[in-house]
Amino acid sequence: MKNIARSLLEKAKRGRYAIPAFNISTLEQIRVVAEAAKKLKAPVIIETSEGEAGLITYEAASAAVSAWQ
């Protein structure tokens, strides 16, 4: 994953555009962000914090992102 993120960020830097990062705490938020990104054919970063890991685990977040890619 780190290599994919690095590649996306390097491409964005060369292209002089930003990749938005969304801090999520529910599966619904992941779904909405993933669906919008897919519709717009735009990369996004989905992140969660240690505090939010109590609401949604990293494993669940990762599985949801994979499901909606």
N, C-alpha and C. Protein backbone atom coordinates (compact mmCIF):
# COMPACT_ATOMS: atom_id res chain seq x y z
N MET A 1 0.81 -1.20 0.00
CA MET A 1 0.00 0.00 0.00
C MET A 1 0.86 1.27 0.00
N LYS A 2 1.95 1.25 0.72
CA LYS A 2 2.79 2.44 0.77
C LYS A 2 3.32 2.80 -0.61
N ASN A 3 3.69 1.79 -1.41
CA ASN A 3 4.20 2.07 -2.75
C ASN A 3 3.12 2.64 -3.64
N ILE A 4 1.89 2.16 -3.51
CA ILE A 4 0.78 2.68 -4.30
C ILE A 4 0.52 4.13 -3.91
N ALA A 5 0.48 4.43 -2.63
CA ALA A 5 0.25 5.79 -2.16
C ALA A 5 1.37 6.71 -2.62
N ARG A 6 2.59 6.25 -2.50
CA ARG A 6 3.74 7.06 -2.93
C ARG A 6 3.64 7.37 -4.42
N SER A 7 3.31 6.38 -5.21
CA SER A 7 3.19 6.56 -6.65
C SER A 7 2.09 7.58 -6.99
N LEU A 8 0.95 7.45 -6.32
CA LEU A 8 -0.15 8.40 -6.55
C LEU A 8 0.24 9.82 -6.16
N LEU A 9 0.92 9.95 -5.02
CA LEU A 9 1.32 11.28 -4.57
C LEU A 9 2.38 11.89 -5.48
N GLU A 10 3.30 11.08 -5.97
CA GLU A 10 4.31 11.59 -6.90
C GLU A 10 3.67 12.05 -8.20
N LYS A 11 2.70 11.27 -8.70
CA LYS A 11 1.98 11.64 -9.93
C LYS A 11 1.22 12.95 -9.72
N ALA A 12 0.57 13.09 -8.57
CA ALA A 12 -0.16 14.31 -8.27
C ALA A 12 0.78 15.51 -8.18
N LYS A 13 1.93 15.31 -7.61
CA LYS A 13 2.90 16.40 -7.50
C LYS A 13 3.36 16.85 -8.89
N ARG A 14 3.67 15.88 -9.74
CA ARG A 14 4.09 16.22 -11.11
C ARG A 14 2.95 16.92 -11.87
N GLY A 15 1.72 16.47 -11.63
CA GLY A 15 0.57 17.04 -12.31
C GLY A 15 0.02 18.30 -11.65
N ARG A 16 0.60 18.64 -10.50
CA ARG A 16 0.23 19.84 -9.76
C ARG A 16 -1.26 19.82 -9.35
N TYR A 17 -1.68 18.68 -8.80
CA TYR A 17 -3.03 18.59 -8.24
C TYR A 17 -2.98 17.90 -6.89
N ALA A 18 -4.05 18.02 -6.14
CA ALA A 18 -4.11 17.44 -4.80
C ALA A 18 -4.92 16.16 -4.80
N ILE A 19 -4.62 15.30 -3.87
CA ILE A 19 -5.43 14.10 -3.63
C ILE A 19 -6.06 14.29 -2.25
N PRO A 20 -7.39 14.37 -2.20
CA PRO A 20 -8.03 14.61 -0.91
C PRO A 20 -7.93 13.39 0.01
N ALA A 21 -7.84 13.67 1.30
CA ALA A 21 -7.82 12.61 2.32
C ALA A 21 -9.06 12.77 3.18
N PHE A 22 -9.78 11.68 3.38
CA PHE A 22 -11.00 11.68 4.17
C PHE A 22 -10.81 10.84 5.42
N ASN A 23 -11.03 11.43 6.56
CA ASN A 23 -10.92 10.73 7.84
C ASN A 23 -12.28 10.12 8.15
N ILE A 24 -12.34 8.81 8.19
CA ILE A 24 -13.63 8.12 8.32
C ILE A 24 -13.75 7.41 9.67
N SER A 25 -15.00 7.18 10.06
CA SER A 25 -15.22 6.41 11.29
C SER A 25 -16.35 5.39 11.12
N THR A 26 -16.97 5.33 9.93
CA THR A 26 -18.03 4.34 9.69
C THR A 26 -17.89 3.72 8.31
N LEU A 27 -18.49 2.56 8.14
CA LEU A 27 -18.49 1.91 6.84
C LEU A 27 -19.27 2.73 5.82
N GLU A 28 -20.31 3.41 6.25
CA GLU A 28 -21.10 4.25 5.36
C GLU A 28 -20.25 5.37 4.78
N GLN A 29 -19.41 5.97 5.59
CA GLN A 29 -18.52 7.03 5.10
C GLN A 29 -17.56 6.49 4.06
N ILE A 30 -17.03 5.30 4.29
CA ILE A 30 -16.13 4.69 3.31
C ILE A 30 -16.87 4.47 2.00
N ARG A 31 -18.08 3.94 2.09
CA ARG A 31 -18.87 3.66 0.87
C ARG A 31 -19.10 4.93 0.06
N VAL A 32 -19.51 6.01 0.73
CA VAL A 32 -19.81 7.26 0.03
C VAL A 32 -18.55 7.83 -0.64
N VAL A 33 -17.45 7.85 0.07
CA VAL A 33 -16.20 8.37 -0.49
C VAL A 33 -15.75 7.50 -1.66
N ALA A 34 -15.79 6.19 -1.49
CA ALA A 34 -15.35 5.28 -2.56
C ALA A 34 -16.23 5.40 -3.79
N GLU A 35 -17.55 5.50 -3.60
CA GLU A 35 -18.45 5.64 -4.75
C GLU A 35 -18.20 6.95 -5.49
N ALA A 36 -18.01 8.04 -4.76
CA ALA A 36 -17.74 9.34 -5.40
C ALA A 36 -16.42 9.31 -6.15
N ALA A 37 -15.39 8.71 -5.56
CA ALA A 37 -14.09 8.62 -6.21
C ALA A 37 -14.19 7.80 -7.50
N LYS A 38 -14.92 6.71 -7.43
CA LYS A 38 -15.08 5.85 -8.61
C LYS A 38 -15.83 6.60 -9.71
N LYS A 39 -16.90 7.30 -9.34
CA LYS A 39 -17.69 8.05 -10.32
C LYS A 39 -16.84 9.14 -10.98
N LEU A 40 -16.01 9.81 -10.20
CA LEU A 40 -15.17 10.89 -10.72
C LEU A 40 -13.86 10.40 -11.30
N LYS A 41 -13.59 9.09 -11.15
CA LYS A 41 -12.32 8.50 -11.60
C LYS A 41 -11.15 9.27 -11.01
N ALA A 42 -11.26 9.52 -9.71
CA ALA A 42 -10.25 10.32 -9.00
C ALA A 42 -9.73 9.54 -7.80
N PRO A 43 -8.43 9.63 -7.56
CA PRO A 43 -7.88 8.96 -6.37
C PRO A 43 -8.25 9.72 -5.10
N VAL A 44 -8.40 8.99 -4.03
CA VAL A 44 -8.63 9.58 -2.71
C VAL A 44 -7.81 8.78 -1.69
N ILE A 45 -7.59 9.39 -0.57
CA ILE A 45 -6.95 8.71 0.55
C ILE A 45 -8.00 8.57 1.63
N ILE A 46 -8.21 7.35 2.08
CA ILE A 46 -9.15 7.10 3.18
C ILE A 46 -8.31 6.76 4.39
N GLU A 47 -8.51 7.53 5.45
CA GLU A 47 -7.71 7.33 6.65
C GLU A 47 -8.60 7.24 7.88
N THR A 48 -8.02 6.70 8.93
CA THR A 48 -8.70 6.61 10.21
C THR A 48 -7.65 6.83 11.30
N SER A 49 -8.10 7.28 12.43
CA SER A 49 -7.17 7.56 13.52
C SER A 49 -7.22 6.44 14.55
N GLU A 50 -6.29 6.50 15.49
CA GLU A 50 -6.29 5.51 16.57
C GLU A 50 -7.59 5.56 17.35
N GLY A 51 -8.09 6.76 17.60
CA GLY A 51 -9.34 6.91 18.34
C GLY A 51 -10.52 6.32 17.61
N GLU A 52 -10.54 6.49 16.30
CA GLU A 52 -11.64 5.95 15.51
C GLU A 52 -11.52 4.45 15.31
N ALA A 53 -10.36 3.90 15.57
CA ALA A 53 -10.18 2.46 15.44
C ALA A 53 -11.08 1.71 16.43
N GLY A 54 -11.53 2.41 17.47
CA GLY A 54 -12.50 1.81 18.39
C GLY A 54 -13.88 1.71 17.77
N LEU A 55 -14.14 2.54 16.75
CA LEU A 55 -15.43 2.53 16.07
C LEU A 55 -15.42 1.61 14.86
N ILE A 56 -14.30 1.58 14.17
CA ILE A 56 -14.13 0.72 13.00
C ILE A 56 -12.67 0.25 12.99
N THR A 57 -12.46 -1.03 12.90
CA THR A 57 -11.09 -1.54 12.92
C THR A 57 -10.40 -1.26 11.59
N TYR A 58 -9.08 -1.26 11.61
CA TYR A 58 -8.32 -1.08 10.39
C TYR A 58 -8.64 -2.18 9.38
N GLU A 59 -8.82 -3.39 9.87
CA GLU A 59 -9.13 -4.52 8.99
C GLU A 59 -10.46 -4.34 8.32
N ALA A 60 -11.47 -3.88 9.07
CA ALA A 60 -12.81 -3.65 8.49
C ALA A 60 -12.77 -2.52 7.48
N ALA A 61 -12.04 -1.47 7.79
CA ALA A 61 -11.90 -0.33 6.87
C ALA A 61 -11.23 -0.78 5.57
N SER A 62 -10.16 -1.54 5.70
CA SER A 62 -9.43 -2.03 4.53
C SER A 62 -10.30 -2.94 3.67
N ALA A 63 -11.06 -3.81 4.29
CA ALA A 63 -11.94 -4.72 3.56
C ALA A 63 -13.03 -3.93 2.84
N ALA A 64 -13.57 -2.91 3.48
CA ALA A 64 -14.61 -2.09 2.86
C ALA A 64 -14.07 -1.33 1.66
N VAL A 65 -12.88 -0.77 1.78
CA VAL A 65 -12.27 -0.05 0.66
C VAL A 65 -12.06 -1.01 -0.50
N SER A 66 -11.57 -2.18 -0.23
CA SER A 66 -11.35 -3.18 -1.29
C SER A 66 -12.65 -3.57 -1.96
N ALA A 67 -13.71 -3.69 -1.19
CA ALA A 67 -15.00 -4.09 -1.72
C ALA A 67 -15.60 -3.03 -2.64
N TRP A 68 -15.34 -1.76 -2.34
CA TRP A 68 -15.95 -0.68 -3.12
C TRP A 68 -15.02 -0.05 -4.14
N GLN A 69 -13.87 -0.65 -4.39
CA GLN A 69 -12.95 -0.08 -5.39
C GLN A 69 -13.49 -0.28 -6.77
